[in-house]
Structure formats: structure tokens, C-alpha cells
Amino acid sequence: MSEPVVVFEAHGSYVFQLRFTGDSQTLVSCGMDGLVKLWSVPGWEQVGTFEGHEKSVNAFDLSLDEKTLATGSTDNTVRLWSFPEGALLRTMMDRKKPVSAVQISSDGRWVAAASYSGRAVVWTMEGEEVVAIKANDKNLSSVALSPDGSLMATAGLGKEIWIWSLPEGEPVEALRGHDVAVGSLRFINEGKTLVSLGYEQAIKQWDTALWRETKSIRPKSPLARAVVFSPDERQAAVSLEGRVDVYKTAEWELTAQLPISTPAVNGVAFSPDGKWLAVGAADKKIRIFELGAIDKN
């Protein structure tokens, strides 16, 4: 059974999301303490802090050229920052509701956000609104942009995943198959597949040409929180209650179960160089696992 090689306290409260930079030299984290932090790899020392949000930073995304970081917060704002310097570039707000998810488009033109008001908004990187959509009568928890920027997927409380055309904001499809709500969305396979994680613990794959379900698996644990993919999409990690499950995505073969000594496991990230798996949790800590050691177990 693999143990973390490093464990360190990273934030003043919950750690929500993690991501490595493309060169695998920096780990980015955000937390309930309202901060974004940068950590050196493999020293795991803090090398930067983004300060400005008044409440929890729930989500972030890094542009493809890694020059801009977008953050979404319970203070109801989306903020854009220069990366890695941390200078605030601009602040956007749609409604006075917490922002639960953000994503920057692959071409770096737009940033999309989902909020607890059931709205999804797309802005230009200059802060001009492209489209605002009432996507749900209930809270949204996830937003995903297709690689070509022509589609946006939204989900949250409620059984449907809605697909919208961009920039028009017109409904394209409603995907039904989850039982209660959806907490995680991701386009993979060059946009040919959409992956969703439902609160009933089902991970589903959807064909984006036909909008039909092609695969469904159920992790053998309650309270799955998120599913993330390695940069090459050959592996996926599912954060669960007190555990992270690692899969080979070709056949969704379970390759490792990593126990985490705290219930709420939130953020997970693979390093692009294939060396590290980082896990953030409710106990304020980040745990670092060696992927090579995991693969041998």
C-alpha cells in the first residue's frame, strides 16, 4: 500500500483544488482560506501567494500559455491574475452568488464560470461579457468548455447535464443518466468524449457526436467528489471519502487505492512528467505520492 512521500500543511482550511504547471516544477493550490499558493517541486516549499479574495477560493484554472490564472470565489467574483507573479489583472461579477467553477478556453479568449445561482457566464479575458445563461434553477457545481470552444457543459444540483453552443448560449442537448446531481465535468479525447461524475457515485462517458452514454462505472466507495485526468489522459484519479482511487482509463482498470487519513478529499493533480500525484484534503494538508511507487503496488 503506497504512502505519501511528503505531507505538508498548505492552507488555513480546506484545500479545494490542485494543479501542476506544464514543466512539473510548480504545484498550484487553492483553499477555503481565500488564498492561491505556489509550491516548488520537488522541494515543496511555498514560492508564491495570490491574495485578494475576501472568502474561499473554490476553483481555479490556468491558461494554456500559463500566463493567466482565473479564480472563482465565495466572495461572488471571478478574478484574473498574471501568472506566476500574482498581480491582479481584473475582477468580474455576474450575480451576488458564490462561484463554484471556472475554466479558461483552450485558445485563451474566454473564461467561463458557474455559480450557485444556477447561472453560467462567459467573459472575454478583457472582462467583457460574451453570454450569460440561466442553466439551472439550482446551484451549479461544474462547467467545462470543449477544446474547440464551440460548446459549454454545465451541471450541478439536478439530474441533467446541459450542453450549450458558444458564443450563442443556445441549448444543444440535455444529458440524463445521473440520479441526483453532477459534481464534475471534463471533455477528453480531443473533445470527442465528455466525462461526468454523479453524486450517486457513477462516472459516465458520453459520446459528444451522438450525445449518448458509452460507459458507466461506480467506484466502490461513497461520496465521490471529483474525477481528474493525467495530462495524457491515460490515468484518472477519483477523490473519495478518505481515499483516492487511481485508474487506467483505457478500460477503467483500478490500479491503486490510496488511503487518506481525513474524510473529505477534494483536490487531486497528476504532474505532467509522470512523477507525482498530489492530493489536497479537509485537514488543510497536501499529500504527495510517487506515481512510480503507486504503479508497482
Protein backbone atom coordinates (compact mmCIF):
# COMPACT_ATOMS: atom_id res chain seq x y z
CA MET A 1 0.00 0.00 0.00
CA SER A 2 1.54 3.32 -1.07
CA GLU A 3 2.20 6.04 1.47
CA PRO A 4 2.77 9.72 0.67
CA VAL A 5 6.42 10.72 0.41
CA VAL A 6 5.63 14.23 1.65
CA VAL A 7 2.78 15.67 3.74
CA PHE A 8 2.63 19.38 4.49
CA GLU A 9 0.09 21.90 5.79
CA ALA A 10 -0.79 24.12 2.85
CA HIS A 11 -3.80 26.27 3.76
CA GLY A 12 -5.64 27.61 6.77
CA SER A 13 -8.65 25.45 5.99
CA TYR A 14 -9.87 23.02 3.28
CA VAL A 15 -7.64 22.52 0.24
CA PHE A 16 -10.01 22.57 -2.73
CA GLN A 17 -8.06 22.24 -5.97
CA LEU A 18 -4.55 21.43 -7.18
CA ARG A 19 -2.66 21.63 -10.46
CA PHE A 20 0.92 21.26 -11.65
CA THR A 21 2.39 23.61 -14.22
CA GLY A 22 3.33 22.13 -17.57
CA ASP A 23 7.01 21.82 -16.69
CA SER A 24 6.10 19.98 -13.45
CA GLN A 25 8.21 22.50 -11.49
CA THR A 26 5.35 24.20 -9.61
CA LEU A 27 2.24 22.96 -7.81
CA VAL A 28 -0.69 25.39 -7.53
CA SER A 29 -3.29 25.09 -4.77
CA CYS A 30 -6.36 26.99 -3.59
CA GLY A 31 -8.31 26.78 -0.37
CA MET A 32 -11.07 27.93 1.90
CA ASP A 33 -8.68 30.47 3.42
CA GLY A 34 -9.13 32.65 0.30
CA LEU A 35 -5.61 32.11 -0.99
CA VAL A 36 -3.90 30.60 -4.01
CA LYS A 37 -0.42 29.29 -3.27
CA LEU A 38 2.50 28.13 -5.38
CA TRP A 39 4.82 25.33 -4.25
CA SER A 40 8.22 24.36 -5.60
CA VAL A 41 8.70 20.85 -6.98
CA PRO A 42 10.30 18.72 -5.62
CA GLY A 43 11.22 20.90 -2.63
CA TRP A 44 7.55 21.53 -1.75
CA GLU A 45 8.34 24.98 -0.38
CA GLN A 46 5.94 27.90 -0.78
CA VAL A 47 7.20 30.21 -3.51
CA GLY A 48 4.18 32.44 -4.15
CA THR A 49 0.80 33.60 -2.84
CA PHE A 50 -2.14 35.22 -4.63
CA GLU A 51 -4.06 37.38 -2.15
CA GLY A 52 -7.20 39.42 -2.76
CA HIS A 53 -10.30 37.26 -2.45
CA GLU A 54 -12.36 38.02 0.63
CA LYS A 55 -13.65 34.47 1.05
CA SER A 56 -12.91 30.90 -0.04
CA VAL A 57 -11.26 30.27 -3.42
CA ASN A 58 -13.32 27.35 -4.68
CA ALA A 59 -11.71 26.77 -8.06
CA PHE A 60 -9.03 27.99 -10.43
CA ASP A 61 -7.76 27.38 -13.95
CA LEU A 62 -4.53 28.18 -15.73
CA SER A 63 -4.43 29.34 -19.33
CA LEU A 64 -2.71 27.10 -21.87
CA ASP A 65 0.24 29.50 -22.16
CA GLU A 66 0.37 29.63 -18.34
CA LYS A 67 0.41 33.42 -18.28
CA THR A 68 -3.03 33.91 -16.69
CA LEU A 69 -4.73 32.30 -13.70
CA ALA A 70 -8.51 32.50 -13.23
CA THR A 71 -10.06 32.05 -9.78
CA GLY A 72 -13.66 31.67 -8.59
CA SER A 73 -14.67 32.51 -5.04
CA THR A 74 -17.40 32.51 -2.44
CA ASP A 75 -16.98 36.32 -2.46
CA ASN A 76 -19.01 36.11 -5.72
CA THR A 77 -16.17 37.17 -8.02
CA VAL A 78 -14.06 35.74 -10.80
CA ARG A 79 -10.58 37.20 -10.85
CA LEU A 80 -7.80 37.05 -13.42
CA TRP A 81 -4.18 37.18 -12.30
CA SER A 82 -0.81 37.30 -14.03
CA PHE A 83 0.98 34.01 -13.57
CA PRO A 84 3.23 33.30 -11.77
CA GLU A 85 3.65 36.87 -10.49
CA GLY A 86 0.20 37.05 -8.88
CA ALA A 87 -0.70 40.59 -9.97
CA LEU A 88 -4.47 41.12 -10.14
CA LEU A 89 -5.49 41.91 -13.72
CA ARG A 90 -9.27 42.29 -13.39
CA THR A 91 -12.32 41.28 -11.40
CA MET A 92 -15.68 40.15 -12.84
CA MET A 93 -19.03 39.55 -11.16
CA ASP A 94 -22.31 38.29 -12.59
CA ARG A 95 -24.61 37.94 -9.57
CA LYS A 96 -24.02 38.10 -5.84
CA LYS A 97 -23.66 34.34 -5.59
CA PRO A 98 -20.65 32.12 -4.85
CA VAL A 99 -18.64 30.98 -7.89
CA SER A 100 -18.13 27.22 -7.84
CA ALA A 101 -16.14 26.51 -11.02
CA VAL A 102 -14.06 28.32 -13.66
CA GLN A 103 -12.35 27.36 -16.89
CA ILE A 104 -10.26 29.27 -19.43
CA SER A 105 -10.84 28.29 -23.06
CA SER A 106 -8.05 26.45 -24.87
CA ASP A 107 -7.41 29.41 -27.18
CA GLY A 108 -7.19 31.81 -24.24
CA ARG A 109 -10.04 34.05 -25.46
CA TRP A 110 -12.68 33.32 -22.83
CA VAL A 111 -13.17 32.42 -19.20
CA ALA A 112 -16.33 30.57 -18.12
CA ALA A 113 -17.75 30.42 -14.61
CA ALA A 114 -20.56 28.53 -12.87
CA SER A 115 -22.30 29.84 -9.76
CA TYR A 116 -24.70 28.86 -7.02
CA SER A 117 -27.38 30.98 -8.67
CA GLY A 118 -27.68 28.37 -11.42
CA ARG A 119 -26.07 30.71 -13.91
CA ALA A 120 -23.10 30.16 -16.21
CA VAL A 121 -21.29 33.16 -17.66
CA VAL A 122 -18.60 33.51 -20.30
CA TRP A 123 -16.40 36.60 -20.42
CA THR A 124 -13.58 37.65 -22.68
CA MET A 125 -10.19 37.78 -20.99
CA GLU A 126 -10.60 41.57 -21.12
CA GLY A 127 -13.67 41.27 -18.87
CA GLU A 128 -16.44 41.79 -21.44
CA GLU A 129 -19.46 39.51 -21.10
CA VAL A 130 -19.91 37.13 -24.03
CA VAL A 131 -23.02 35.31 -22.83
CA ALA A 132 -24.87 34.64 -19.57
CA ILE A 133 -27.08 31.56 -19.28
CA LYS A 134 -29.66 30.55 -16.73
CA ALA A 135 -28.51 26.96 -16.84
CA ASN A 136 -30.40 25.63 -13.85
CA ASP A 137 -32.87 26.68 -11.19
CA LYS A 138 -30.48 25.21 -8.63
CA ASN A 139 -26.80 25.57 -7.81
CA LEU A 140 -24.20 24.74 -10.45
CA SER A 141 -21.05 22.92 -9.39
CA SER A 142 -19.19 22.40 -12.67
CA VAL A 143 -18.53 23.98 -16.04
CA ALA A 144 -16.49 22.57 -18.95
CA LEU A 145 -15.53 24.08 -22.31
CA SER A 146 -14.88 21.87 -25.32
CA PRO A 147 -11.34 22.11 -26.75
CA ASP A 148 -12.54 23.99 -29.84
CA GLY A 149 -14.54 26.44 -27.72
CA SER A 150 -17.84 25.74 -29.50
CA LEU A 151 -19.58 24.05 -26.57
CA MET A 152 -20.02 24.52 -22.85
CA ALA A 153 -21.28 21.84 -20.46
CA THR A 154 -22.87 22.78 -17.13
CA ALA A 155 -24.11 20.66 -14.23
CA GLY A 156 -24.91 20.76 -10.54
CA LEU A 157 -27.97 20.02 -8.47
CA GLY A 158 -30.49 18.28 -10.70
CA LYS A 159 -30.16 15.24 -12.92
CA GLU A 160 -29.36 16.90 -16.24
CA ILE A 161 -26.09 17.91 -17.83
CA TRP A 162 -26.81 20.77 -20.22
CA ILE A 163 -24.78 21.38 -23.37
CA TRP A 164 -24.75 24.93 -24.79
CA SER A 165 -23.48 26.37 -28.05
CA LEU A 166 -20.95 29.18 -27.86
CA PRO A 167 -20.97 32.08 -28.24
CA GLU A 168 -24.75 32.00 -28.75
CA GLY A 169 -25.62 30.28 -25.48
CA GLU A 170 -28.32 28.16 -27.11
CA PRO A 171 -29.19 24.74 -25.64
CA VAL A 172 -27.81 21.83 -27.70
CA GLU A 173 -28.60 18.78 -25.58
CA ALA A 174 -29.69 17.68 -22.11
CA LEU A 175 -27.91 14.52 -20.94
CA ARG A 176 -29.83 12.38 -18.48
CA GLY A 177 -28.49 9.36 -16.63
CA HIS A 178 -27.34 10.56 -13.24
CA ASP A 179 -29.72 10.15 -10.32
CA VAL A 180 -29.47 13.32 -8.25
CA ALA A 181 -26.73 15.77 -9.18
CA VAL A 182 -23.41 16.07 -11.01
CA GLY A 183 -20.25 17.37 -9.38
CA SER A 184 -17.55 17.08 -12.03
CA LEU A 185 -17.32 17.51 -15.83
CA ARG A 186 -14.41 17.20 -18.26
CA PHE A 187 -14.04 16.99 -22.05
CA ILE A 188 -11.36 14.45 -23.06
CA ASN A 189 -10.23 12.65 -26.22
CA GLU A 190 -9.92 15.93 -28.17
CA GLY A 191 -13.49 16.82 -27.23
CA LYS A 192 -14.99 13.58 -28.53
CA THR A 193 -15.88 12.44 -25.01
CA LEU A 194 -17.45 14.16 -22.02
CA VAL A 195 -16.84 12.60 -18.60
CA SER A 196 -19.20 13.28 -15.69
CA LEU A 197 -19.24 12.26 -12.04
CA GLY A 198 -22.62 11.99 -10.34
CA TYR A 199 -23.45 12.25 -6.66
CA GLU A 200 -24.77 8.69 -6.84
CA GLN A 201 -21.10 7.72 -7.44
CA ALA A 202 -21.35 6.89 -11.16
CA ILE A 203 -18.66 8.03 -13.59
CA LYS A 204 -20.14 8.27 -17.08
CA GLN A 205 -18.65 8.81 -20.52
CA TRP A 206 -20.71 10.49 -23.24
CA ASP A 207 -20.11 10.46 -27.00
CA THR A 208 -20.23 14.15 -27.99
CA ALA A 209 -21.15 13.42 -31.61
CA LEU A 210 -24.27 11.44 -30.74
CA TRP A 211 -24.71 12.62 -27.15
CA ARG A 212 -25.21 9.12 -25.84
CA GLU A 213 -23.75 7.35 -22.84
CA THR A 214 -20.96 4.94 -23.77
CA LYS A 215 -19.63 3.81 -20.38
CA SER A 216 -20.57 3.90 -16.70
CA ILE A 217 -18.52 2.76 -13.71
CA ARG A 218 -19.16 3.00 -9.97
CA PRO A 219 -16.26 3.38 -7.52
CA LYS A 220 -16.75 1.06 -4.56
CA SER A 221 -16.89 3.88 -2.04
CA PRO A 222 -19.42 6.52 -1.03
CA LEU A 223 -19.11 10.25 -1.52
CA ALA A 224 -17.00 10.58 -4.67
CA ARG A 225 -16.12 14.25 -5.04
CA ALA A 226 -14.19 14.71 -8.28
CA VAL A 227 -12.53 12.91 -11.16
CA VAL A 228 -9.33 14.31 -12.71
CA PHE A 229 -7.13 13.08 -15.55
CA SER A 230 -3.41 12.91 -16.15
CA PRO A 231 -2.23 15.26 -18.92
CA ASP A 232 -2.03 12.34 -21.38
CA GLU A 233 -5.50 11.15 -20.23
CA ARG A 234 -4.21 7.60 -19.72
CA GLN A 235 -4.88 7.75 -15.99
CA ALA A 236 -7.67 9.17 -13.85
CA ALA A 237 -7.93 9.76 -10.12
CA VAL A 238 -11.21 9.86 -8.22
CA SER A 239 -11.28 11.67 -4.89
CA LEU A 240 -13.48 9.87 -2.39
CA GLU A 241 -14.26 9.95 1.29
CA GLY A 242 -10.91 9.15 2.87
CA ARG A 243 -9.37 7.69 -0.28
CA VAL A 244 -8.16 8.31 -3.82
CA ASP A 245 -8.71 5.65 -6.49
CA VAL A 246 -6.39 5.61 -9.50
CA TYR A 247 -7.49 4.07 -12.81
CA LYS A 248 -6.06 3.29 -16.22
CA THR A 249 -8.66 4.92 -18.44
CA ALA A 250 -8.42 2.57 -21.44
CA GLU A 251 -10.64 0.04 -19.67
CA TRP A 252 -11.15 1.93 -16.39
CA GLU A 253 -9.00 -0.63 -14.60
CA LEU A 254 -8.46 0.18 -10.92
CA THR A 255 -4.70 0.25 -10.31
CA ALA A 256 -4.38 1.77 -6.82
CA GLN A 257 -6.36 2.81 -3.76
CA LEU A 258 -4.59 5.43 -1.67
CA PRO A 259 -5.90 5.87 1.88
CA ILE A 260 -6.06 9.48 3.09
CA SER A 261 -6.32 9.96 6.85
CA THR A 262 -9.11 12.52 6.70
CA PRO A 263 -12.67 12.19 5.35
CA ALA A 264 -13.10 14.98 2.81
CA VAL A 265 -10.61 14.57 -0.06
CA ASN A 266 -11.04 17.37 -2.60
CA GLY A 267 -8.18 18.28 -4.92
CA VAL A 268 -6.08 15.81 -6.92
CA ALA A 269 -3.47 16.51 -9.61
CA PHE A 270 -1.05 14.49 -11.77
CA SER A 271 2.30 16.04 -12.67
CA PRO A 272 2.91 16.13 -16.45
CA ASP A 273 6.28 14.40 -16.08
CA GLY A 274 4.54 11.36 -14.59
CA LYS A 275 6.37 11.51 -11.25
CA TRP A 276 3.84 12.85 -8.77
CA LEU A 277 0.24 12.66 -7.63
CA ALA A 278 -0.79 15.49 -5.30
CA VAL A 279 -3.84 15.20 -3.03
CA GLY A 280 -5.48 18.02 -1.05
CA ALA A 281 -7.99 17.49 1.73
CA ALA A 282 -10.11 19.00 4.50
CA ASP A 283 -7.32 18.75 7.08
CA LYS A 284 -5.50 21.66 5.36
CA LYS A 285 -2.77 19.35 4.08
CA ILE A 286 -1.36 18.33 0.71
CA ARG A 287 -0.02 14.80 0.33
CA ILE A 288 2.45 13.91 -2.39
CA PHE A 289 2.63 10.36 -3.78
CA GLU A 290 5.23 8.99 -6.18
CA LEU A 291 3.39 7.62 -9.21
CA GLY A 292 6.14 5.09 -9.85
CA ALA A 293 5.67 3.64 -6.38
CA ILE A 294 1.90 3.56 -6.87
CA ASP A 295 2.23 1.68 -10.19
CA LYS A 296 4.37 -1.01 -8.54
CA ASN A 297 1.78 -1.80 -5.88
